[in-house]
């Protein structure tokens, strides 16, 4: 049997070859000691360790710079004569140890996507601890006691500095680090999905260099692995220079998967698993230790009354503040639209909202007045899939409309939909009527939440998302909702829009 491999270069040597040789524990054609592409040195586990060490060192340096800079800024901008003490030097390693104990230096080695925003709650806790200690210890760290304003500034400087410094350190580390070489073990459809997710998305620097289809591999026993089996796994890692294995397990082969994961970890290959159960229940689960047996508790699907109240209050506050802030801009855009082309300033389109209720979603008009009548004549240029209608260079768009779309300013009137309770700042995508009719089965539970001005579908990257994938993403958003999830999506929407991706 052969392994399907990718193509690329390694030390200037082009390679594209199936592995051929004797069948073994994997059912693969791997001949021990023979390299299919001419790569003569094993670097997989060693490369993993060097890559992990690079991220840890970069994050450590970022934390030290952020902590020192926060204290220096607090002292320098104070109106009083504050000075840092020698005892304050000990605060830096103590905070680094606290970060280590919180797992802030070890996350990246287990993750394919390196992101700082997901660890922001822990960084805020670290900043809070540091600011409180500096405030409560009097002149131990800062000569001259900090007042509450200086303590608040120190907290803000620490929180913002840690997040920004770590984001910059990760971006630099991703540039420096080599591409993470992945072996995908699973079916063809899952392999194509993973390949698409590894390209064109931020925070990821990895590629699938080979794919092993489990359905084409001879079954193997689940007893403890032997030295010969470990040797075959080592040969595979050496041949392909594998850094990580991504496994899409089948439903009926739990024993095989357990043995496979243990074997891969034993030879120093990082392991990521696609948990098929979480495609339905989402990631918001609680692991319960039932006297030595791990039980996974799945949270309720819909929001509690208190959670719904928090989400609505967050929407009202954000939309009201947004309308006040951009009201002059709204007036300028309205005048520009009227001067550019005939027709109304606003465009109202029927969308399907919470529980299937229809509402008129507001946008600034970006097309000619008879745009809907011209839609049928342009269907042959449609770039989207499964019922969606998207054209990159739509001839119906006006000059001002093109500028508004590129900057996403045409979406601003939806703030009024949010105030009215018809939309939310973050939520499932509000579909037009014909798109909604294509959504069937349990995916319709996405309508348990109010549709959003932005959502998880908007920050996926430059590729057009098919309707089937979009509604599945919306379903998981509803299943895993939290206020912090909404805040993260809003924060990720800003650079996404500024980068003009996915508009």
Protein backbone atom coordinates (compact mmCIF):
# COMPACT_ATOMS: atom_id res chain seq x y z
CA UNK A 1 0.00 0.00 0.00
CA UNK A 2 1.11 3.56 -0.59
CA UNK A 3 0.71 6.85 1.24
CA UNK A 4 -0.63 9.87 -0.61
CA UNK A 5 1.90 12.66 -0.16
CA UNK A 6 1.91 16.34 -0.95
CA UNK A 7 4.51 18.27 -2.84
CA UNK A 8 7.10 20.78 -1.76
CA UNK A 9 10.80 21.31 -1.23
CA UNK A 10 13.16 20.34 1.52
CA UNK A 11 16.67 21.77 1.52
CA UNK A 12 16.30 22.54 -2.18
CA UNK A 13 15.23 19.00 -3.11
CA UNK A 14 11.86 18.79 -4.84
CA UNK A 15 9.76 15.82 -3.78
CA UNK A 16 6.54 14.14 -4.84
CA UNK A 17 6.49 10.43 -4.27
CA UNK A 18 4.41 7.66 -2.73
CA UNK A 19 6.12 5.53 -0.16
CA UNK A 20 6.75 2.02 -1.37
CA UNK A 21 8.01 -1.01 0.47
CA UNK A 22 6.98 -3.75 2.84
CA UNK A 23 3.59 -3.73 4.55
CA UNK A 24 3.75 -3.37 8.27
CA UNK A 25 1.90 -2.27 11.35
CA UNK A 26 0.31 0.71 9.55
CA UNK A 27 -0.52 -1.13 6.36
CA UNK A 28 1.76 1.44 4.74
CA UNK A 29 4.44 1.00 2.17
CA UNK A 30 7.27 2.17 4.44
CA UNK A 31 10.63 0.48 4.16
CA UNK A 32 12.68 1.09 7.27
CA UNK A 33 15.63 3.36 6.63
CA UNK A 34 14.60 4.20 3.03
CA UNK A 35 13.49 7.80 2.39
CA UNK A 36 11.08 8.41 -0.48
CA UNK A 37 12.17 12.00 -1.14
CA UNK A 38 15.88 11.82 -0.52
CA UNK A 39 15.62 13.40 2.96
CA UNK A 40 18.38 11.65 4.89
CA UNK A 41 18.00 13.08 8.37
CA UNK A 42 15.23 12.70 10.97
CA UNK A 43 13.98 16.05 12.18
CA UNK A 44 10.32 15.49 13.13
CA UNK A 45 10.38 15.25 16.97
CA UNK A 46 13.48 17.46 17.22
CA UNK A 47 11.88 20.09 14.99
CA UNK A 48 8.77 20.02 17.20
CA UNK A 49 10.85 20.70 20.28
CA UNK A 50 12.74 23.56 18.62
CA UNK A 51 9.52 25.06 17.30
CA UNK A 52 7.84 24.85 20.73
CA UNK A 53 10.91 26.36 22.39
CA UNK A 54 10.86 29.27 19.94
CA UNK A 55 7.27 30.16 20.84
CA UNK A 56 7.93 29.82 24.58
CA UNK A 57 10.99 32.07 24.43
CA UNK A 58 9.24 34.67 22.32
CA UNK A 59 6.28 34.74 24.72
CA UNK A 60 8.60 34.94 27.72
CA UNK A 61 10.43 37.89 26.20
CA UNK A 62 7.10 39.57 25.37
CA UNK A 63 5.87 39.17 28.95
CA UNK A 64 9.05 40.61 30.44
CA UNK A 65 8.95 43.60 28.09
CA UNK A 66 5.26 44.23 28.80
CA UNK A 67 5.65 44.01 32.59
CA UNK A 68 8.72 46.26 32.73
CA UNK A 69 7.18 48.77 30.30
CA UNK A 70 3.95 48.96 32.33
CA UNK A 71 5.80 49.77 35.56
CA UNK A 72 8.12 52.27 33.86
CA UNK A 73 5.20 54.06 32.19
CA UNK A 74 3.26 54.21 35.46
CA UNK A 75 6.20 55.78 37.29
CA UNK A 76 7.14 58.11 34.43
CA UNK A 77 3.62 59.47 33.91
CA UNK A 78 2.88 59.92 37.60
CA UNK A 79 2.63 63.49 38.86
CA UNK A 80 4.32 62.41 42.08
CA UNK A 81 7.93 61.39 42.64
CA UNK A 82 7.57 57.62 42.35
CA UNK A 83 10.54 55.33 41.91
CA UNK A 84 10.94 51.62 41.25
CA UNK A 85 12.69 49.74 44.06
CA UNK A 86 15.23 46.96 43.76
CA UNK A 87 12.68 44.63 45.34
CA UNK A 88 10.45 45.35 42.35
CA UNK A 89 12.89 43.44 40.15
CA UNK A 90 11.68 40.26 41.85
CA UNK A 91 8.16 40.98 40.63
CA UNK A 92 9.15 40.10 37.07
CA UNK A 93 10.22 36.47 37.64
CA UNK A 94 7.34 35.98 40.08
CA UNK A 95 4.84 37.05 37.43
CA UNK A 96 6.56 34.85 34.85
CA UNK A 97 6.22 31.88 37.22
CA UNK A 98 2.52 32.71 37.72
CA UNK A 99 2.08 32.78 33.93
CA UNK A 100 3.84 29.43 33.65
CA UNK A 101 1.61 27.88 36.33
CA UNK A 102 -1.43 29.19 34.42
CA UNK A 103 -0.27 27.32 31.31
CA UNK A 104 0.38 30.48 29.29
CA UNK A 105 3.65 29.15 27.84
CA UNK A 106 2.53 25.62 26.97
CA UNK A 107 -0.67 26.17 24.94
CA UNK A 108 1.00 26.72 21.58
CA UNK A 109 2.61 23.30 21.37
CA UNK A 110 -0.80 21.62 21.43
CA UNK A 111 -2.52 24.07 19.06
CA UNK A 112 -2.43 24.36 15.29
CA UNK A 113 -3.86 27.89 15.40
CA UNK A 114 -1.81 30.20 17.58
CA UNK A 115 -4.03 32.94 19.02
CA UNK A 116 -3.62 35.43 21.85
CA UNK A 117 -7.25 36.45 22.19
CA UNK A 118 -8.31 33.08 23.62
CA UNK A 119 -5.91 33.47 26.55
CA UNK A 120 -6.93 37.07 27.28
CA UNK A 121 -8.97 36.13 30.42
CA UNK A 122 -5.88 34.57 32.02
CA UNK A 123 -3.77 37.58 31.04
CA UNK A 124 -6.35 39.88 32.64
CA UNK A 125 -6.17 37.80 35.82
CA UNK A 126 -2.38 38.07 35.79
CA UNK A 127 -2.54 41.85 35.31
CA UNK A 128 -5.10 42.16 38.12
CA UNK A 129 -2.92 40.16 40.51
CA UNK A 130 0.15 42.23 39.68
CA UNK A 131 -1.63 45.60 40.04
CA UNK A 132 -3.23 44.59 43.34
CA UNK A 133 0.07 43.42 44.80
CA UNK A 134 1.85 46.62 43.68
CA UNK A 135 -0.93 48.71 45.23
CA UNK A 136 -1.35 46.82 48.50
CA UNK A 137 2.34 46.31 49.32
CA UNK A 138 2.93 50.03 49.77
CA UNK A 139 6.50 51.01 48.95
CA UNK A 140 7.83 47.48 48.49
CA UNK A 141 7.72 47.51 44.67
CA UNK A 142 7.23 51.23 44.00
CA UNK A 143 8.81 53.75 46.35
CA UNK A 144 5.86 55.91 47.30
CA UNK A 145 2.46 54.24 47.53
CA UNK A 146 0.40 54.09 44.35
CA UNK A 147 -2.94 55.88 44.51
CA UNK A 148 -6.03 54.29 42.96
CA UNK A 149 -5.65 56.17 39.66
CA UNK A 150 -2.05 55.01 39.26
CA UNK A 151 -3.02 51.47 40.21
CA UNK A 152 -5.78 51.52 37.60
CA UNK A 153 -3.36 52.83 34.97
CA UNK A 154 -0.86 50.11 35.91
CA UNK A 155 -3.58 47.48 35.50
CA UNK A 156 -4.61 48.81 32.08
CA UNK A 157 -0.98 49.07 30.95
CA UNK A 158 -0.26 45.51 32.10
CA UNK A 159 -3.39 44.04 30.51
CA UNK A 160 -3.00 45.87 27.20
CA UNK A 161 0.78 45.42 27.12
CA UNK A 162 0.64 41.67 27.75
CA UNK A 163 -1.99 41.10 25.06
CA UNK A 164 -0.31 43.29 22.44
CA UNK A 165 3.22 42.07 23.19
CA UNK A 166 2.14 38.43 23.02
CA UNK A 167 0.23 38.98 19.78
CA UNK A 168 3.33 40.59 18.27
CA UNK A 169 5.61 37.84 19.58
CA UNK A 170 3.39 35.13 18.09
CA UNK A 171 3.22 36.90 14.75
CA UNK A 172 7.03 37.15 14.69
CA UNK A 173 7.46 33.53 15.81
CA UNK A 174 5.11 32.36 13.05
CA UNK A 175 7.27 34.17 10.51
CA UNK A 176 10.48 32.65 11.86
CA UNK A 177 9.25 29.13 12.62
CA UNK A 178 9.29 26.52 9.85
CA UNK A 179 6.04 25.21 8.44
CA UNK A 180 4.52 22.54 10.68
CA UNK A 181 4.39 19.35 8.63
CA UNK A 182 1.24 17.33 9.28
CA UNK A 183 0.23 13.77 8.54
CA UNK A 184 -3.55 13.49 8.20
CA UNK A 185 -5.08 10.16 9.23
CA UNK A 186 -8.71 9.88 8.21
CA UNK A 187 -11.19 9.97 5.34
CA UNK A 188 -10.78 11.99 2.14
CA UNK A 189 -13.52 14.53 2.91
CA UNK A 190 -12.06 15.42 6.31
CA UNK A 191 -8.60 15.68 4.74
CA UNK A 192 -9.79 18.23 2.18
CA UNK A 193 -11.54 20.22 4.92
CA UNK A 194 -8.38 20.38 7.02
CA UNK A 195 -6.25 21.34 4.02
CA UNK A 196 -8.56 24.26 3.29
CA UNK A 197 -8.50 25.41 6.92
CA UNK A 198 -4.71 25.34 7.10
CA UNK A 199 -4.34 27.76 4.17
CA UNK A 200 -5.37 31.41 4.00
CA UNK A 201 -6.14 31.79 7.70
CA UNK A 202 -4.25 33.81 10.28
CA UNK A 203 -2.35 32.25 13.16
CA UNK A 204 -1.71 29.00 11.27
CA UNK A 205 1.52 27.89 9.63
CA UNK A 206 1.06 24.24 8.78
CA UNK A 207 0.49 21.99 5.80
CA UNK A 208 -0.66 18.43 5.21
CA UNK A 209 2.30 16.62 3.64
CA UNK A 210 0.66 13.20 3.55
CA UNK A 211 -2.75 11.62 3.95
CA UNK A 212 -3.49 8.13 5.25
CA UNK A 213 -7.06 6.95 4.69
CA UNK A 214 -8.06 4.66 7.54
CA UNK A 215 -10.58 2.83 5.38
CA UNK A 216 -7.74 1.69 3.11
CA UNK A 217 -5.51 0.46 5.94
CA UNK A 218 -5.62 -3.14 7.08
CA UNK A 219 -7.09 -3.38 10.61
CA UNK A 220 -4.61 -3.79 13.40
CA UNK A 221 -5.02 -5.01 16.94
CA UNK A 222 -5.43 -2.75 19.94
CA UNK A 223 -3.06 -4.48 22.32
CA UNK A 224 0.00 -2.70 23.71
CA UNK A 225 2.38 -1.62 20.96
CA UNK A 226 5.64 -3.42 20.52
CA UNK A 227 9.13 -2.17 19.69
CA UNK A 228 8.69 -3.23 16.07
CA UNK A 229 5.54 -1.16 15.77
CA UNK A 230 7.21 1.84 17.36
CA UNK A 231 10.09 1.42 14.91
CA UNK A 232 7.67 1.57 11.96
CA UNK A 233 6.11 4.74 13.34
CA UNK A 234 9.58 6.24 13.75
CA UNK A 235 10.34 5.34 10.14
CA UNK A 236 7.20 7.13 9.00
CA UNK A 237 8.10 10.25 10.99
CA UNK A 238 11.66 10.18 9.62
CA UNK A 239 10.58 9.67 6.04
CA UNK A 240 7.98 12.43 5.96
CA UNK A 241 9.64 14.68 8.57
CA UNK A 242 6.29 14.73 10.39
CA UNK A 243 5.80 17.28 13.18
CA UNK A 244 2.13 16.61 13.92
CA UNK A 245 -0.50 13.99 13.17
CA UNK A 246 -4.13 15.05 12.69
CA UNK A 247 -6.55 12.19 13.28
CA UNK A 248 -10.20 11.99 12.21
CA UNK A 249 -11.35 8.88 14.12
CA UNK A 250 -14.10 6.60 12.93
CA UNK A 251 -17.02 5.90 15.25
CA UNK A 252 -16.27 2.19 15.67
CA UNK A 253 -12.52 2.12 16.18
CA UNK A 254 -11.95 3.66 19.61
CA UNK A 255 -9.42 1.00 20.57
CA UNK A 256 -7.40 1.54 17.41
CA UNK A 257 -7.42 5.29 17.91
CA UNK A 258 -6.26 5.02 21.52
CA UNK A 259 -3.36 2.84 20.49
CA UNK A 260 -2.55 5.12 17.56
CA UNK A 261 -2.50 8.27 19.72
CA UNK A 262 -0.32 6.62 22.36
CA UNK A 263 2.11 5.42 19.73
CA UNK A 264 2.42 8.82 18.06
CA UNK A 265 2.97 10.57 21.38
CA UNK A 266 5.55 7.99 22.38
CA UNK A 267 7.73 8.86 19.38
CA UNK A 268 7.47 12.63 19.91
CA UNK A 269 4.91 13.54 17.25
CA UNK A 270 2.30 16.14 18.22
CA UNK A 271 -1.28 14.85 17.95
CA UNK A 272 -4.51 16.69 17.11
CA UNK A 273 -7.87 14.90 16.99
CA UNK A 274 -11.08 15.90 15.20
CA UNK A 275 -13.78 15.00 17.77
CA UNK A 276 -16.86 14.20 15.71
CA UNK A 277 -19.14 14.38 18.77
CA UNK A 278 -18.33 18.07 19.21
CA UNK A 279 -19.77 18.79 15.75
CA UNK A 280 -23.15 18.39 17.47
CA UNK A 281 -22.62 19.33 21.13
CA UNK A 282 -19.98 22.02 20.57
CA UNK A 283 -16.95 22.70 22.73
CA UNK A 284 -18.83 24.08 25.73
CA UNK A 285 -18.77 20.90 27.81
CA UNK A 286 -17.77 20.11 31.37
CA UNK A 287 -15.61 17.11 32.20
CA UNK A 288 -16.86 15.36 35.31
CA UNK A 289 -14.58 12.98 37.25
CA UNK A 290 -16.96 10.28 38.43
CA UNK A 291 -14.61 8.50 40.84
CA UNK A 292 -12.03 7.68 38.18
CA UNK A 293 -14.40 7.63 35.19
CA UNK A 294 -14.50 10.74 33.02
CA UNK A 295 -18.01 11.80 32.04
CA UNK A 296 -18.64 14.67 29.63
CA UNK A 297 -21.54 16.92 30.59
CA UNK A 298 -23.23 18.73 27.70
CA UNK A 299 -24.76 22.12 28.49
CA UNK A 300 -28.29 23.06 27.45
CA UNK A 301 -28.66 24.31 23.90
CA UNK A 302 -30.62 27.51 24.39
CA UNK A 303 -29.77 30.48 26.62
CA UNK A 304 -30.99 30.84 30.18
CA UNK A 305 -33.07 33.92 30.98
CA UNK A 306 -30.15 35.60 32.69
CA UNK A 307 -27.80 34.89 29.77
CA UNK A 308 -30.37 36.24 27.30
CA UNK A 309 -30.73 39.37 29.45
CA UNK A 310 -26.97 39.89 29.53
CA UNK A 311 -26.74 39.47 25.76
CA UNK A 312 -29.58 41.93 25.15
CA UNK A 313 -28.07 44.50 27.54
CA UNK A 314 -24.71 44.15 25.78
CA UNK A 315 -26.40 44.66 22.40
CA UNK A 316 -28.33 47.75 23.55
CA UNK A 317 -25.26 49.35 25.10
CA UNK A 318 -23.02 48.63 22.11
CA UNK A 319 -25.55 49.67 19.45
CA UNK A 320 -26.58 52.86 21.25
CA UNK A 321 -22.98 53.86 21.80
CA UNK A 322 -22.20 53.03 18.16
CA UNK A 323 -25.06 55.13 16.80
CA UNK A 324 -23.97 58.13 18.85
CA UNK A 325 -20.36 57.75 17.73
CA UNK A 326 -21.02 57.38 13.99
CA UNK A 327 -24.04 59.69 13.57
CA UNK A 328 -21.98 62.37 11.72
CA UNK A 329 -20.57 59.69 9.43
CA UNK A 330 -24.08 58.38 8.72
CA UNK A 331 -25.14 61.83 7.55
CA UNK A 332 -22.12 62.16 5.23
CA UNK A 333 -22.76 58.73 3.71
CA UNK A 334 -26.45 59.55 3.13
CA UNK A 335 -25.54 62.73 1.23
CA UNK A 336 -22.92 60.87 -0.87
CA UNK A 337 -25.45 58.19 -1.87
CA UNK A 338 -28.02 60.79 -2.98
CA UNK A 339 -25.43 62.66 -5.02
CA UNK A 340 -24.07 59.49 -6.66
CA UNK A 341 -27.28 57.92 -7.99
CA UNK A 342 -31.04 58.22 -7.92
CA UNK A 343 -33.04 56.19 -5.43
CA UNK A 344 -33.45 55.91 -1.65
CA UNK A 345 -30.60 56.16 0.86
CA UNK A 346 -31.46 52.95 2.67
CA UNK A 347 -32.09 49.46 1.37
CA UNK A 348 -34.49 47.28 3.33
CA UNK A 349 -34.40 43.53 2.67
CA UNK A 350 -36.59 40.82 4.16
CA UNK A 351 -34.53 38.45 6.32
CA UNK A 352 -35.40 35.55 8.61
CA UNK A 353 -34.81 36.32 12.27
CA UNK A 354 -35.18 34.55 15.60
CA UNK A 355 -37.71 31.68 15.63
CA UNK A 356 -38.29 32.24 11.91
CA UNK A 357 -39.81 35.72 12.29
CA UNK A 358 -39.22 37.95 9.27
CA UNK A 359 -37.88 41.49 9.58
CA UNK A 360 -36.56 44.23 7.32
CA UNK A 361 -32.76 44.43 7.61
CA UNK A 362 -31.40 47.91 6.92
CA UNK A 363 -28.34 48.75 4.84
CA UNK A 364 -27.11 51.76 2.98
CA UNK A 365 -28.08 51.33 -0.67
CA UNK A 366 -25.02 50.23 -2.64
CA UNK A 367 -26.66 49.12 -5.90
CA UNK A 368 -28.71 50.64 -8.67
CA UNK A 369 -32.47 50.80 -7.89
CA UNK A 370 -33.37 47.92 -10.27
CA UNK A 371 -30.64 45.57 -8.93
CA UNK A 372 -33.07 42.77 -8.01
CA UNK A 373 -34.50 42.69 -11.54
CA UNK A 374 -30.99 42.25 -12.95
CA UNK A 375 -30.15 39.32 -10.64
CA UNK A 376 -31.36 36.55 -12.96
CA UNK A 377 -29.23 37.81 -15.84
CA UNK A 378 -26.10 37.57 -13.65
CA UNK A 379 -26.57 34.11 -12.11
CA UNK A 380 -23.98 32.61 -14.46
CA UNK A 381 -21.34 34.74 -12.69
CA UNK A 382 -22.31 33.58 -9.20
CA UNK A 383 -19.19 32.64 -7.15
CA UNK A 384 -20.91 31.32 -4.04
CA UNK A 385 -22.20 27.82 -3.49
CA UNK A 386 -25.36 26.06 -2.33
CA UNK A 387 -27.89 28.79 -2.90
CA UNK A 388 -25.87 31.87 -1.94
CA UNK A 389 -25.45 34.66 -4.50
CA UNK A 390 -22.10 36.51 -4.47
CA UNK A 391 -20.22 38.27 -7.28
CA UNK A 392 -16.83 39.80 -6.59
CA UNK A 393 -17.15 42.59 -9.19
CA UNK A 394 -20.92 43.03 -9.29
CA UNK A 395 -21.85 45.47 -12.12
CA UNK A 396 -24.97 46.56 -10.21
CA UNK A 397 -22.89 48.23 -7.48
CA UNK A 398 -22.59 52.03 -7.64
CA UNK A 399 -19.34 53.98 -7.20
CA UNK A 400 -20.16 55.05 -3.64
CA UNK A 401 -21.61 51.59 -2.99
CA UNK A 402 -18.32 49.92 -3.93
CA UNK A 403 -16.48 52.07 -1.39
CA UNK A 404 -19.08 51.36 1.28
CA UNK A 405 -18.86 47.61 0.71
CA UNK A 406 -15.09 47.52 0.83
CA UNK A 407 -15.11 49.37 4.14
CA UNK A 408 -18.24 47.56 5.45
CA UNK A 409 -19.83 50.95 6.15
CA UNK A 410 -22.99 49.85 4.34
CA UNK A 411 -23.75 47.66 7.38
CA UNK A 412 -23.93 50.56 9.87
CA UNK A 413 -27.74 51.09 9.66
CA UNK A 414 -28.15 47.63 11.17
CA UNK A 415 -27.33 49.25 14.50
CA UNK A 416 -30.93 50.48 14.42
CA UNK A 417 -32.12 46.89 13.85
CA UNK A 418 -30.19 45.97 17.00
CA UNK A 419 -31.82 48.75 19.05
CA UNK A 420 -35.22 47.51 17.84
CA UNK A 421 -34.39 43.98 19.00
CA UNK A 422 -34.51 42.47 15.51
CA UNK A 423 -30.77 41.82 15.38
CA UNK A 424 -27.82 41.37 17.71
CA UNK A 425 -24.24 42.63 17.55
CA UNK A 426 -23.08 39.01 17.18
CA UNK A 427 -25.18 36.08 16.11
CA UNK A 428 -26.12 33.69 13.32
CA UNK A 429 -26.21 35.15 9.82
CA UNK A 430 -29.64 36.57 8.90
CA UNK A 431 -30.56 34.68 5.74
CA UNK A 432 -32.82 35.85 2.94
CA UNK A 433 -36.01 33.88 2.45
CA UNK A 434 -34.85 31.54 -0.33
CA UNK A 435 -31.61 30.73 1.53
CA UNK A 436 -33.52 29.98 4.74
CA UNK A 437 -35.72 27.48 2.92
CA UNK A 438 -32.61 25.43 2.14
CA UNK A 439 -31.80 24.97 5.84
CA UNK A 440 -33.25 21.74 7.20
CA UNK A 441 -33.07 19.45 10.21
CA UNK A 442 -31.21 20.29 13.38
CA UNK A 443 -29.41 23.17 11.64
CA UNK A 444 -32.65 25.16 11.97
CA UNK A 445 -31.95 25.45 15.69
CA UNK A 446 -29.53 28.22 14.74
CA UNK A 447 -32.66 30.42 14.89
CA UNK A 448 -32.78 30.03 18.69
CA UNK A 449 -30.65 33.19 18.83
CA UNK A 450 -31.26 36.61 17.28
CA UNK A 451 -29.29 37.01 14.00
CA UNK A 452 -26.14 39.10 14.22
CA UNK A 453 -24.57 42.10 12.50
CA UNK A 454 -21.41 39.99 12.55
CA UNK A 455 -20.80 36.38 13.50
CA UNK A 456 -18.44 33.42 13.34
CA UNK A 457 -19.05 33.12 9.58
CA UNK A 458 -17.63 36.60 8.91
CA UNK A 459 -14.17 35.94 10.36
CA UNK A 460 -13.46 32.65 8.61
CA UNK A 461 -11.14 34.07 5.96
CA UNK A 462 -11.14 35.02 2.30
CA UNK A 463 -12.92 31.97 0.93
CA UNK A 464 -16.65 31.94 0.25
CA UNK A 465 -18.35 29.75 2.83
CA UNK A 466 -20.97 27.33 1.45
CA UNK A 467 -24.43 27.59 3.00
CA UNK A 468 -24.23 24.09 4.51
CA UNK A 469 -21.00 24.91 6.33
CA UNK A 470 -22.24 28.34 7.39
CA UNK A 471 -25.40 27.07 9.09
CA UNK A 472 -23.39 24.34 10.87
CA UNK A 473 -21.04 27.05 12.20
CA UNK A 474 -24.05 29.09 13.33
CA UNK A 475 -25.47 26.04 15.11
CA UNK A 476 -22.25 25.54 17.04
CA UNK A 477 -22.16 29.26 17.91
CA UNK A 478 -25.60 28.93 19.51
CA UNK A 479 -24.56 25.72 21.31
CA UNK A 480 -21.43 27.37 22.75
CA UNK A 481 -22.63 30.93 23.36
CA UNK A 482 -20.95 33.07 25.98
CA UNK A 483 -20.50 36.81 26.34
CA UNK A 484 -16.75 36.37 25.97
CA UNK A 485 -17.35 34.57 22.66
CA UNK A 486 -19.26 37.62 21.41
CA UNK A 487 -16.48 39.96 22.51
CA UNK A 488 -13.85 37.82 20.76
CA UNK A 489 -15.83 37.77 17.52
CA UNK A 490 -16.27 41.56 17.64
CA UNK A 491 -12.55 42.07 18.24
CA UNK A 492 -11.66 39.69 15.39
CA UNK A 493 -14.14 41.39 13.06
CA UNK A 494 -12.25 44.70 13.26
CA UNK A 495 -8.95 43.53 11.65
CA UNK A 496 -10.93 41.29 9.32
CA UNK A 497 -12.88 44.25 7.95
CA UNK A 498 -9.84 46.53 7.87
CA UNK A 499 -8.00 43.87 5.87
CA UNK A 500 -10.94 43.84 3.42
CA UNK A 501 -11.26 40.06 3.67
CA UNK A 502 -14.46 38.20 3.07
CA UNK A 503 -16.51 41.30 2.18
